[in-house]
PDB file of N, CA and C in Angstrom:
ATOM      1  N   MET A   1       0.854  -1.184   0.000  1.00  0.00           N
ATOM      2  CA  MET A   1       0.000   0.000   0.000  1.00  0.00           C
ATOM      3  C   MET A   1       0.890   1.234   0.000  1.00  0.00           C
ATOM      4  N   ASN A   2       0.639   2.124  -0.896  1.00  0.00           N
ATOM      5  CA  ASN A   2       1.397   3.358  -1.015  1.00  0.00           C
ATOM      6  C   ASN A   2       0.738   4.445  -0.168  1.00  0.00           C
ATOM      7  N   ALA A   3       1.477   4.959   0.833  1.00  0.00           N
ATOM      8  CA  ALA A   3       0.923   5.979   1.724  1.00  0.00           C
ATOM      9  C   ALA A   3       1.153   7.382   1.173  1.00  0.00           C
ATOM     10  N   GLU A   4       1.806   7.481   0.019  1.00  0.00           N
ATOM     11  CA  GLU A   4       2.098   8.769  -0.596  1.00  0.00           C
ATOM     12  C   GLU A   4       0.835   9.318  -1.266  1.00  0.00           C
ATOM     13  N   PRO A   5       0.410  10.534  -0.887  1.00  0.00           N
ATOM     14  CA  PRO A   5      -0.814  11.064  -1.490  1.00  0.00           C
ATOM     15  C   PRO A   5      -0.599  11.456  -2.946  1.00  0.00           C
ATOM     16  N   ASN A   6      -1.602  11.238  -3.737  1.00  0.00           N
ATOM     17  CA  ASN A   6      -1.649  11.756  -5.106  1.00  0.00           C
ATOM     18  C   ASN A   6      -2.525  12.992  -5.056  1.00  0.00           C
ATOM     19  N   PHE A   7      -2.568  13.699  -6.130  1.00  0.00           N
ATOM     20  CA  PHE A   7      -3.435  14.862  -6.185  1.00  0.00           C
ATOM     21  C   PHE A   7      -4.539  14.598  -7.181  1.00  0.00           C
ATOM     22  N   LEU A   8      -5.717  15.053  -6.835  1.00  0.00           N
ATOM     23  CA  LEU A   8      -6.888  14.860  -7.670  1.00  0.00           C
ATOM     24  C   LEU A   8      -7.493  16.234  -7.929  1.00  0.00           C
ATOM     25  N   ASP A   9      -7.728  16.545  -9.193  1.00  0.00           N
ATOM     26  CA  ASP A   9      -8.387  17.801  -9.543  1.00  0.00           C
ATOM     27  C   ASP A   9      -9.888  17.554  -9.565  1.00  0.00           C
ATOM     28  N   VAL A  10     -10.613  18.339  -8.783  1.00  0.00           N
ATOM     29  CA  VAL A  10     -12.068  18.196  -8.705  1.00  0.00           C
ATOM     30  C   VAL A  10     -12.703  19.541  -8.998  1.00  0.00           C
ATOM     31  N   LYS A  11     -13.984  19.507  -9.334  1.00  0.00           N
ATOM     32  CA  LYS A  11     -14.710  20.734  -9.635  1.00  0.00           C
ATOM     33  C   LYS A  11     -15.964  20.774  -8.778  1.00  0.00           C
ATOM     34  N   ILE A  12     -16.121  21.878  -8.038  1.00  0.00           N
ATOM     35  CA  ILE A  12     -17.301  22.103  -7.215  1.00  0.00           C
ATOM     36  C   ILE A  12     -17.881  23.455  -7.611  1.00  0.00           C
ATOM     37  N   MET A  13     -19.118  23.438  -8.030  1.00  0.00           N
ATOM     38  CA  MET A  13     -19.817  24.645  -8.502  1.00  0.00           C
ATOM     39  C   MET A  13     -18.990  25.418  -9.528  1.00  0.00           C
ATOM     40  N   GLY A  14     -18.383  24.679 -10.445  1.00  0.00           N
ATOM     41  CA  GLY A  14     -17.649  25.302 -11.529  1.00  0.00           C
ATOM     42  C   GLY A  14     -16.243  25.748 -11.202  1.00  0.00           C
ATOM     43  N   ARG A  15     -15.837  25.598  -9.953  1.00  0.00           N
ATOM     44  CA  ARG A  15     -14.477  25.999  -9.564  1.00  0.00           C
ATOM     45  C   ARG A  15     -13.626  24.760  -9.367  1.00  0.00           C
ATOM     46  N   GLU A  16     -12.406  24.808  -9.856  1.00  0.00           N
ATOM     47  CA  GLU A  16     -11.513  23.664  -9.751  1.00  0.00           C
ATOM     48  C   GLU A  16     -10.658  23.754  -8.498  1.00  0.00           C
ATOM     49  N   TYR A  17     -10.458  22.593  -7.887  1.00  0.00           N
ATOM     50  CA  TYR A  17      -9.638  22.476  -6.689  1.00  0.00           C
ATOM     51  C   TYR A  17      -8.729  21.272  -6.849  1.00  0.00           C
ATOM     52  N   ARG A  18      -7.513  21.394  -6.379  1.00  0.00           N
ATOM     53  CA  ARG A  18      -6.575  20.270  -6.365  1.00  0.00           C
ATOM     54  C   ARG A  18      -6.510  19.778  -4.923  1.00  0.00           C
ATOM     55  N   VAL A  19      -6.791  18.487  -4.744  1.00  0.00           N
ATOM     56  CA  VAL A  19      -6.894  17.912  -3.413  1.00  0.00           C
ATOM     57  C   VAL A  19      -5.939  16.726  -3.297  1.00  0.00           C
ATOM     58  N   ALA A  20      -5.205  16.676  -2.183  1.00  0.00           N
ATOM     59  CA  ALA A  20      -4.360  15.511  -1.905  1.00  0.00           C
ATOM     60  C   ALA A  20      -5.267  14.345  -1.546  1.00  0.00           C
ATOM     61  N   CYS A  21      -4.973  13.189  -2.121  1.00  0.00           N
ATOM     62  CA  CYS A  21      -5.856  12.047  -1.920  1.00  0.00           C
ATOM     63  C   CYS A  21      -5.065  10.762  -2.120  1.00  0.00           C
ATOM     64  N   LEU A  22      -5.139   9.872  -1.126  1.00  0.00           N
ATOM     65  CA  LEU A  22      -4.513   8.564  -1.286  1.00  0.00           C
ATOM     66  C   LEU A  22      -5.281   7.781  -2.339  1.00  0.00           C
ATOM     67  N   PRO A  23      -4.601   6.965  -3.125  1.00  0.00           N
ATOM     68  CA  PRO A  23      -5.285   6.220  -4.190  1.00  0.00           C
ATOM     69  C   PRO A  23      -6.486   5.408  -3.698  1.00  0.00           C
ATOM     70  N   GLU A  24      -6.370   4.806  -2.532  1.00  0.00           N
ATOM     71  CA  GLU A  24      -7.472   3.984  -2.019  1.00  0.00           C
ATOM     72  C   GLU A  24      -8.655   4.821  -1.522  1.00  0.00           C
ATOM     73  N   GLU A  25      -8.472   6.128  -1.403  1.00  0.00           N
ATOM     74  CA  GLU A  25      -9.552   7.004  -0.954  1.00  0.00           C
ATOM     75  C   GLU A  25     -10.187   7.788  -2.106  1.00  0.00           C
ATOM     76  N   ARG A  26      -9.730   7.540  -3.321  1.00  0.00           N
ATOM     77  CA  ARG A  26     -10.181   8.295  -4.487  1.00  0.00           C
ATOM     78  C   ARG A  26     -11.698   8.208  -4.678  1.00  0.00           C
ATOM     79  N   ASP A  27     -12.253   7.006  -4.664  1.00  0.00           N
ATOM     80  CA  ASP A  27     -13.689   6.846  -4.892  1.00  0.00           C
ATOM     81  C   ASP A  27     -14.515   7.549  -3.812  1.00  0.00           C
ATOM     82  N   ALA A  28     -14.071   7.439  -2.563  1.00  0.00           N
ATOM     83  CA  ALA A  28     -14.787   8.092  -1.468  1.00  0.00           C
ATOM     84  C   ALA A  28     -14.719   9.614  -1.628  1.00  0.00           C
ATOM     85  N   LEU A  29     -13.573  10.133  -2.030  1.00  0.00           N
ATOM     86  CA  LEU A  29     -13.444  11.576  -2.230  1.00  0.00           C
ATOM     87  C   LEU A  29     -14.331  12.048  -3.378  1.00  0.00           C
ATOM     88  N   LEU A  30     -14.352  11.300  -4.473  1.00  0.00           N
ATOM     89  CA  LEU A  30     -15.204  11.682  -5.600  1.00  0.00           C
ATOM     90  C   LEU A  30     -16.679  11.661  -5.205  1.00  0.00           C
ATOM     91  N   ALA A  31     -17.066  10.704  -4.370  1.00  0.00           N
ATOM     92  CA  ALA A  31     -18.448  10.656  -3.876  1.00  0.00           C
ATOM     93  C   ALA A  31     -18.727  11.876  -3.006  1.00  0.00           C
ATOM     94  N   ALA A  32     -17.764  12.263  -2.173  1.00  0.00           N
ATOM     95  CA  ALA A  32     -17.930  13.442  -1.319  1.00  0.00           C
ATOM     96  C   ALA A  32     -18.026  14.710  -2.167  1.00  0.00           C
ATOM     97  N   VAL A  33     -17.204  14.816  -3.190  1.00  0.00           N
ATOM     98  CA  VAL A  33     -17.247  15.974  -4.093  1.00  0.00           C
ATOM     99  C   VAL A  33     -18.616  16.061  -4.760  1.00  0.00           C
ATOM    100  N   ASP A  34     -19.123  14.926  -5.219  1.00  0.00           N
ATOM    101  CA  ASP A  34     -20.437  14.895  -5.864  1.00  0.00           C
ATOM    102  C   ASP A  34     -21.526  15.340  -4.889  1.00  0.00           C
ATOM    103  N   LEU A  35     -21.472  14.838  -3.662  1.00  0.00           N
ATOM    104  CA  LEU A  35     -22.452  15.217  -2.640  1.00  0.00           C
ATOM    105  C   LEU A  35     -22.405  16.716  -2.361  1.00  0.00           C
ATOM    106  N   VAL A  36     -21.201  17.241  -2.146  1.00  0.00           N
ATOM    107  CA  VAL A  36     -21.043  18.670  -1.832  1.00  0.00           C
ATOM    108  C   VAL A  36     -21.465  19.536  -3.018  1.00  0.00           C
ATOM    109  N   ASP A  37     -21.040  19.163  -4.217  1.00  0.00           N
ATOM    110  CA  ASP A  37     -21.401  19.935  -5.408  1.00  0.00           C
ATOM    111  C   ASP A  37     -22.915  19.971  -5.586  1.00  0.00           C
ATOM    112  N   ASN A  38     -23.564  18.818  -5.469  1.00  0.00           N
ATOM    113  CA  ASN A  38     -25.021  18.778  -5.618  1.00  0.00           C
ATOM    114  C   ASN A  38     -25.725  19.599  -4.544  1.00  0.00           C
ATOM    115  N   LYS A  39     -25.261  19.475  -3.303  1.00  0.00           N
ATOM    116  CA  LYS A  39     -25.891  20.212  -2.205  1.00  0.00           C
ATOM    117  C   LYS A  39     -25.697  21.718  -2.391  1.00  0.00           C
ATOM    118  N   MET A  40     -24.501  22.134  -2.795  1.00  0.00           N
ATOM    119  CA  MET A  40     -24.241  23.560  -3.001  1.00  0.00           C
ATOM    120  C   MET A  40     -25.082  24.113  -4.144  1.00  0.00           C
ATOM    121  N   ARG A  41     -25.206  23.357  -5.214  1.00  0.00           N
ATOM    122  CA  ARG A  41     -26.020  23.811  -6.355  1.00  0.00           C
ATOM    123  C   ARG A  41     -27.497  23.921  -5.950  1.00  0.00           C
ATOM    124  N   GLU A  42     -27.953  22.953  -5.182  1.00  0.00           N
ATOM    125  CA  GLU A  42     -29.335  22.968  -4.703  1.00  0.00           C
ATOM    126  C   GLU A  42     -29.598  24.210  -3.842  1.00  0.00           C
ATOM    127  N   ILE A  43     -28.680  24.489  -2.930  1.00  0.00           N
ATOM    128  CA  ILE A  43     -28.842  25.644  -2.036  1.00  0.00           C
ATOM    129  C   ILE A  43     -28.715  26.955  -2.807  1.00  0.00           C
ATOM    130  N   ALA A  44     -27.765  27.034  -3.729  1.00  0.00           N
ATOM    131  CA  ALA A  44     -27.594  28.259  -4.522  1.00  0.00           C
ATOM    132  C   ALA A  44     -28.849  28.545  -5.333  1.00  0.00           C
ATOM    133  N   GLN A  45     -29.444  27.504  -5.888  1.00  0.00           N
ATOM    134  CA  GLN A  45     -30.660  27.691  -6.681  1.00  0.00           C
ATOM    135  C   GLN A  45     -31.836  28.085  -5.785  1.00  0.00           C
ATOM    136  N   ARG A  46     -31.951  27.420  -4.640  1.00  0.00           N
ATOM    137  CA  ARG A  46     -33.068  27.683  -3.727  1.00  0.00           C
ATOM    138  C   ARG A  46     -32.987  29.084  -3.112  1.00  0.00           C
ATOM    139  N   THR A  47     -31.774  29.519  -2.759  1.00  0.00           N
ATOM    140  CA  THR A  47     -31.618  30.809  -2.079  1.00  0.00           C
ATOM    141  C   THR A  47     -31.291  31.956  -3.041  1.00  0.00           C
ATOM    142  N   LYS A  48     -31.030  31.619  -4.286  1.00  0.00           N
ATOM    143  CA  LYS A  48     -30.641  32.611  -5.298  1.00  0.00           C
ATOM    144  C   LYS A  48     -29.356  33.333  -4.900  1.00  0.00           C
ATOM    145  N   SER A  49     -28.524  32.669  -4.112  1.00  0.00           N
ATOM    146  CA  SER A  49     -27.264  33.262  -3.662  1.00  0.00           C
ATOM    147  C   SER A  49     -26.136  32.872  -4.604  1.00  0.00           C
ATOM    148  N   THR A  50     -25.264  33.844  -4.903  1.00  0.00           N
ATOM    149  CA  THR A  50     -24.107  33.575  -5.741  1.00  0.00           C
ATOM    150  C   THR A  50     -22.814  33.683  -4.935  1.00  0.00           C
ATOM    151  N   ILE A  51     -22.919  33.912  -3.640  1.00  0.00           N
ATOM    152  CA  ILE A  51     -21.743  34.038  -2.790  1.00  0.00           C
ATOM    153  C   ILE A  51     -21.311  32.629  -2.386  1.00  0.00           C
ATOM    154  N   ALA A  52     -20.222  32.157  -2.988  1.00  0.00           N
ATOM    155  CA  ALA A  52     -19.782  30.768  -2.824  1.00  0.00           C
ATOM    156  C   ALA A  52     -19.536  30.413  -1.364  1.00  0.00           C
ATOM    157  N   GLU A  53     -18.934  31.317  -0.611  1.00  0.00           N
ATOM    158  CA  GLU A  53     -18.644  31.021   0.795  1.00  0.00           C
ATOM    159  C   GLU A  53     -19.936  30.788   1.576  1.00  0.00           C
ATOM    160  N   ARG A  54     -20.927  31.612   1.358  1.00  0.00           N
ATOM    161  CA  ARG A  54     -22.208  31.466   2.057  1.00  0.00           C
ATOM    162  C   ARG A  54     -22.882  30.154   1.657  1.00  0.00           C
ATOM    163  N   VAL A  55     -22.874  29.843   0.371  1.00  0.00           N
ATOM    164  CA  VAL A  55     -23.474  28.604  -0.111  1.00  0.00           C
ATOM    165  C   VAL A  55     -22.731  27.402   0.478  1.00  0.00           C
ATOM    166  N   ALA A  56     -21.404  27.482   0.560  1.00  0.00           N
ATOM    167  CA  ALA A  56     -20.611  26.375   1.108  1.00  0.00           C
ATOM    168  C   ALA A  56     -20.934  26.140   2.583  1.00  0.00           C
ATOM    169  N   VAL A  57     -21.056  27.221   3.345  1.00  0.00           N
ATOM    170  CA  VAL A  57     -21.384  27.079   4.768  1.00  0.00           C
ATOM    171  C   VAL A  57     -22.775  26.483   4.927  1.00  0.00           C
ATOM    172  N   MET A  58     -23.732  26.954   4.151  1.00  0.00           N
ATOM    173  CA  MET A  58     -25.089  26.421   4.234  1.00  0.00           C
ATOM    174  C   MET A  58     -25.119  24.945   3.828  1.00  0.00           C
ATOM    175  N   ALA A  59     -24.350  24.576   2.803  1.00  0.00           N
ATOM    176  CA  ALA A  59     -24.286  23.173   2.383  1.00  0.00           C
ATOM    177  C   ALA A  59     -23.678  22.316   3.491  1.00  0.00           C
ATOM    178  N   ALA A  60     -22.615  22.810   4.107  1.00  0.00           N
ATOM    179  CA  ALA A  60     -21.982  22.073   5.205  1.00  0.00           C
ATOM    180  C   ALA A  60     -22.953  21.864   6.359  1.00  0.00           C
ATOM    181  N   LEU A  61     -23.680  22.908   6.692  1.00  0.00           N
ATOM    182  CA  LEU A  61     -24.656  22.794   7.776  1.00  0.00           C
ATOM    183  C   LEU A  61     -25.774  21.812   7.422  1.00  0.00           C
ATOM    184  N   ASN A  62     -26.246  21.858   6.187  1.00  0.00           N
ATOM    185  CA  ASN A  62     -27.291  20.939   5.752  1.00  0.00           C
ATOM    186  C   ASN A  62     -26.810  19.494   5.778  1.00  0.00           C
ATOM    187  N   ILE A  63     -25.616  19.242   5.280  1.00  0.00           N
ATOM    188  CA  ILE A  63     -25.066  17.887   5.271  1.00  0.00           C
ATOM    189  C   ILE A  63     -24.868  17.392   6.700  1.00  0.00           C
ATOM    190  N   ALA A  64     -24.340  18.252   7.572  1.00  0.00           N
ATOM    191  CA  ALA A  64     -24.142  17.868   8.976  1.00  0.00           C
ATOM    192  C   ALA A  64     -25.483  17.583   9.645  1.00  0.00           C
ATOM    193  N   HIS A  65     -26.464  18.421   9.391  1.00  0.00           N
ATOM    194  CA  HIS A  65     -27.785  18.222   9.989  1.00  0.00           C
ATOM    195  C   HIS A  65     -28.397  16.896   9.528  1.00  0.00           C
ATOM    196  N   GLU A  66     -28.299  16.617   8.225  1.00  0.00           N
ATOM    197  CA  GLU A  66     -28.825  15.347   7.702  1.00  0.00           C
ATOM    198  C   GLU A  66     -28.115  14.159   8.351  1.00  0.00           C
ATOM    199  N   ARG A  67     -26.822  14.276   8.514  1.00  0.00           N
ATOM    200  CA  ARG A  67     -26.032  13.192   9.124  1.00  0.00           C
ATOM    201  C   ARG A  67     -26.412  13.006  10.589  1.00  0.00           C
ATOM    202  N   LEU A  68     -26.560  14.093  11.325  1.00  0.00           N
ATOM    203  CA  LEU A  68     -26.856  14.016  12.755  1.00  0.00           C
ATOM    204  C   LEU A  68     -28.316  13.685  13.033  1.00  0.00           C
ATOM    205  N   ALA A  69     -29.183  13.889  12.061  1.00  0.00           N
ATOM    206  CA  ALA A  69     -30.605  13.607  12.250  1.00  0.00           C
ATOM    207  C   ALA A  69     -30.916  12.111  12.218  1.00  0.00           C
ATOM    208  N   VAL A  70     -29.979  11.308  11.724  1.00  0.00           N
ATOM    209  CA  VAL A  70     -30.179   9.862  11.688  1.00  0.00           C
ATOM    210  C   VAL A  70     -30.049   9.344  13.115  1.00  0.00           C
ATOM    211  N   PRO A  71     -31.054   8.610  13.614  1.00  0.00           N
ATOM    212  CA  PRO A  71     -30.970   8.075  14.986  1.00  0.00           C
ATOM    213  C   PRO A  71     -29.712   7.234  15.174  1.00  0.00           C
ATOM    214  N   ALA A  72     -29.108   7.349  16.352  1.00  0.00           N
ATOM    215  CA  ALA A  72     -27.835   6.678  16.631  1.00  0.00           C
ATOM    216  C   ALA A  72     -27.904   5.175  16.409  1.00  0.00           C
ATOM    217  N   GLY A  73     -29.025   4.535  16.694  1.00  0.00           N
ATOM    218  CA  GLY A  73     -29.137   3.092  16.545  1.00  0.00           C
ATOM    219  C   GLY A  73     -29.506   2.638  15.153  1.00  0.00           C
ATOM    220  N   ALA A  74     -29.874   3.565  14.274  1.00  0.00           N
ATOM    221  CA  ALA A  74     -30.302   3.187  12.932  1.00  0.00           C
ATOM    222  C   ALA A  74     -29.106   2.794  12.087  1.00  0.00           C
ATOM    223  N   ALA A  75     -29.215   1.662  11.445  1.00  0.00           N
ATOM    224  CA  ALA A  75     -28.134   1.194  10.583  1.00  0.00           C
ATOM    225  C   ALA A  75     -28.623   1.181   9.147  1.00  0.00           C
ATOM    226  N   SER A  76     -27.872   1.836   8.268  1.00  0.00           N
ATOM    227  CA  SER A  76     -28.179   1.793   6.843  1.00  0.00           C
ATOM    228  C   SER A  76     -26.893   2.009   6.079  1.00  0.00           C
ATOM    229  N   ASP A  77     -26.937   1.786   4.778  1.00  0.00           N
ATOM    230  CA  ASP A  77     -25.752   1.982   3.946  1.00  0.00           C
ATOM    231  C   ASP A  77     -25.333   3.444   3.926  1.00  0.00           C
ATOM    232  N   GLU A  78     -26.271   4.345   4.161  1.00  0.00           N
ATOM    233  CA  GLU A  78     -25.978   5.775   4.092  1.00  0.00           C
ATOM    234  C   GLU A  78     -25.467   6.329   5.416  1.00  0.00           C
ATOM    235  N   THR A  79     -25.526   5.548   6.472  1.00  0.00           N
ATOM    236  CA  THR A  79     -25.105   6.019   7.792  1.00  0.00           C
ATOM    237  C   THR A  79     -23.610   5.808   7.959  1.00  0.00           C
ATOM    238  N   VAL A  80     -22.920   6.868   8.338  1.00  0.00           N
ATOM    239  CA  VAL A  80     -21.496   6.759   8.612  1.00  0.00           C
ATOM    240  C   VAL A  80     -21.375   6.221  10.029  1.00  0.00           C
ATOM    241  N   ALA A  81     -20.951   4.955  10.145  1.00  0.00           N
ATOM    242  CA  ALA A  81     -20.995   4.302  11.440  1.00  0.00           C
ATOM    243  C   ALA A  81     -19.629   4.090  12.073  1.00  0.00           C
ATOM    244  N   SER A  82     -18.603   3.911  11.289  1.00  0.00           N
ATOM    245  CA  SER A  82     -17.329   3.523  11.873  1.00  0.00           C
ATOM    246  C   SER A  82     -16.447   4.712  12.233  1.00  0.00           C
ATOM    247  N   THR A  83     -15.692   4.537  13.283  1.00  0.00           N
ATOM    248  CA  THR A  83     -14.748   5.567  13.722  1.00  0.00           C
ATOM    249  C   THR A  83     -13.697   5.804  12.655  1.00  0.00           C
ATOM    250  N   GLU A  84     -13.265   4.744  11.978  1.00  0.00           N
ATOM    251  CA  GLU A  84     -12.254   4.864  10.930  1.00  0.00           C
ATOM    252  C   GLU A  84     -12.771   5.731   9.775  1.00  0.00           C
ATOM    253  N   THR A  85     -13.992   5.535   9.376  1.00  0.00           N
ATOM    254  CA  THR A  85     -14.571   6.328   8.300  1.00  0.00           C
ATOM    255  C   THR A  85     -14.663   7.791   8.708  1.00  0.00           C
ATOM    256  N   LYS A  86     -15.085   8.052   9.932  1.00  0.00           N
ATOM    257  CA  LYS A  86     -15.156   9.430  10.428  1.00  0.00           C
ATOM    258  C   LYS A  86     -13.775  10.069  10.417  1.00  0.00           C
ATOM    259  N   ARG A  87     -12.762   9.318  10.849  1.00  0.00           N
ATOM    260  CA  ARG A  87     -11.397   9.838  10.856  1.00  0.00           C
ATOM    261  C   ARG A  87     -10.941  10.182   9.444  1.00  0.00           C
ATOM    262  N   ARG A  88     -11.255   9.311   8.490  1.00  0.00           N
ATOM    263  CA  ARG A  88     -10.851   9.547   7.106  1.00  0.00           C
ATOM    264  C   ARG A  88     -11.533  10.791   6.547  1.00  0.00           C
ATOM    265  N   ILE A  89     -12.795  10.980   6.870  1.00  0.00           N
ATOM    266  CA  ILE A  89     -13.517  12.165   6.409  1.00  0.00           C
ATOM    267  C   ILE A  89     -12.894  13.428   7.012  1.00  0.00           C
ATOM    268  N   GLU A  90     -12.562  13.371   8.305  1.00  0.00           N
ATOM    269  CA  GLU A  90     -11.923  14.516   8.953  1.00  0.00           C
ATOM    270  C   GLU A  90     -10.569  14.808   8.320  1.00  0.00           C
ATOM    271  N   ASP A  91      -9.807  13.749   7.995  1.00  0.00           N
ATOM    272  CA  ASP A  91      -8.516  13.935   7.328  1.00  0.00           C
ATOM    273  C   ASP A  91      -8.691  14.595   5.962  1.00  0.00           C
ATOM    274  N   MET A  92      -9.704  14.148   5.210  1.00  0.00           N
ATOM    275  CA  MET A  92      -9.962  14.759   3.901  1.00  0.00           C
ATOM    276  C   MET A  92     -10.335  16.229   4.068  1.00  0.00           C
ATOM    277  N   GLY A  93     -11.147  16.520   5.085  1.00  0.00           N
ATOM    278  CA  GLY A  93     -11.523  17.909   5.350  1.00  0.00           C
ATOM    279  C   GLY A  93     -10.310  18.766   5.671  1.00  0.00           C
ATOM    280  N   ALA A  94      -9.401  18.215   6.457  1.00  0.00           N
ATOM    281  CA  ALA A  94      -8.175  18.954   6.795  1.00  0.00           C
ATOM    282  C   ALA A  94      -7.333  19.198   5.546  1.00  0.00           C
ATOM    283  N   ARG A  95      -7.262  18.197   4.674  1.00  0.00           N
ATOM    284  CA  ARG A  95      -6.510  18.372   3.425  1.00  0.00           C
ATOM    285  C   ARG A  95      -7.167  19.428   2.543  1.00  0.00           C
ATOM    286  N   LEU A  96      -8.497  19.391   2.469  1.00  0.00           N
ATOM    287  CA  LEU A  96      -9.210  20.409   1.691  1.00  0.00           C
ATOM    288  C   LEU A  96      -8.934  21.800   2.245  1.00  0.00           C
ATOM    289  N   ASP A  97      -8.979  21.943   3.573  1.00  0.00           N
ATOM    290  CA  ASP A  97      -8.699  23.234   4.197  1.00  0.00           C
ATOM    291  C   ASP A  97      -7.300  23.719   3.842  1.00  0.00           C
ATOM    292  N   ALA A  98      -6.332  22.809   3.871  1.00  0.00           N
ATOM    293  CA  ALA A  98      -4.951  23.177   3.572  1.00  0.00           C
ATOM    294  C   ALA A  98      -4.805  23.638   2.122  1.00  0.00           C
ATOM    295  N   VAL A  99      -5.508  22.984   1.215  1.00  0.00           N
ATOM    296  CA  VAL A  99      -5.427  23.354  -0.191  1.00  0.00           C
ATOM    297  C   VAL A  99      -6.204  24.642  -0.471  1.00  0.00           C
ATOM    298  N   LEU A 100      -7.340  24.810   0.201  1.00  0.00           N
ATOM    299  CA  LEU A 100      -8.190  25.970  -0.068  1.00  0.00           C
ATOM    300  C   LEU A 100      -7.672  27.259   0.557  1.00  0.00           C
ATOM    301  N   ALA A 101      -6.891  27.168   1.620  1.00  0.00           N
ATOM    302  CA  ALA A 101      -6.409  28.366   2.308  1.00  0.00           C
ATOM    303  C   ALA A 101      -5.679  29.331   1.364  1.00  0.00           C
ATOM    304  N   PRO A 102      -4.709  28.873   0.562  1.00  0.00           N
ATOM    305  CA  PRO A 102      -4.055  29.818  -0.363  1.00  0.00           C
ATOM    306  C   PRO A 102      -5.017  30.363  -1.405  1.00  0.00           C
ATOM    307  N   GLN A 103      -5.985  29.562  -1.850  1.00  0.00           N
ATOM    308  CA  GLN A 103      -6.935  30.018  -2.850  1.00  0.00           C
ATOM    309  C   GLN A 103      -7.857  31.079  -2.267  1.00  0.00           C
ATOM    310  N   GLN A 104      -8.191  30.960  -0.972  1.00  0.00           N
ATOM    311  CA  GLN A 104      -9.030  31.964  -0.330  1.00  0.00           C
ATOM    312  C   GLN A 104      -8.320  33.306  -0.328  1.00  0.00           C
ATOM    313  N   GLN A 105      -7.021  33.308  -0.109  1.00  0.00           N
ATOM    314  CA  GLN A 105      -6.263  34.553  -0.112  1.00  0.00           C
ATOM    315  C   GLN A 105      -6.339  35.208  -1.476  1.00  0.00           C
ATOM    316  N   LEU A 106      -6.328  34.412  -2.553  1.00  0.00           N
ATOM    317  CA  LEU A 106      -6.410  34.958  -3.897  1.00  0.00           C
ATOM    318  C   LEU A 106      -7.781  35.552  -4.179  1.00  0.00           C
ATOM    319  N   ASP A 107      -8.834  34.980  -3.548  1.00  0.00           N
ATOM    320  CA  ASP A 107     -10.193  35.455  -3.775  1.00  0.00           C
ATOM    321  C   ASP A 107     -10.434  36.825  -3.150  1.00  0.00           C
ATOM    322  N   LEU A 108      -9.622  37.194  -2.149  1.00  0.00           N
ATOM    323  CA  LEU A 108      -9.808  38.479  -1.487  1.00  0.00           C
ATOM    324  C   LEU A 108      -9.488  39.566  -2.471  1.00  0.00           C
TER     325      LEU A 108
END
């Protein structure tokens, strides 16, 4: 198993981002990108907002709310149940933050 991250170029709401991603996490990251992109587009259309940061925060809150609204004992394919999966998602989020930080400075 190669622990060296590769980079994956993804597009969310028409903007491209380069994200560090281990090869074995590629499919999960692409699924996360699809979820976030769809949620952001849905919120942007519903609220008529074009401010990407506001749409991103609202999408994050909506996704978190949907995740937390699932009863703790309920088991389904859509429920994130394992500690390892949660850790991997947090790691991906940290990598996204690290990549997005320089881009945020450019947006100012």
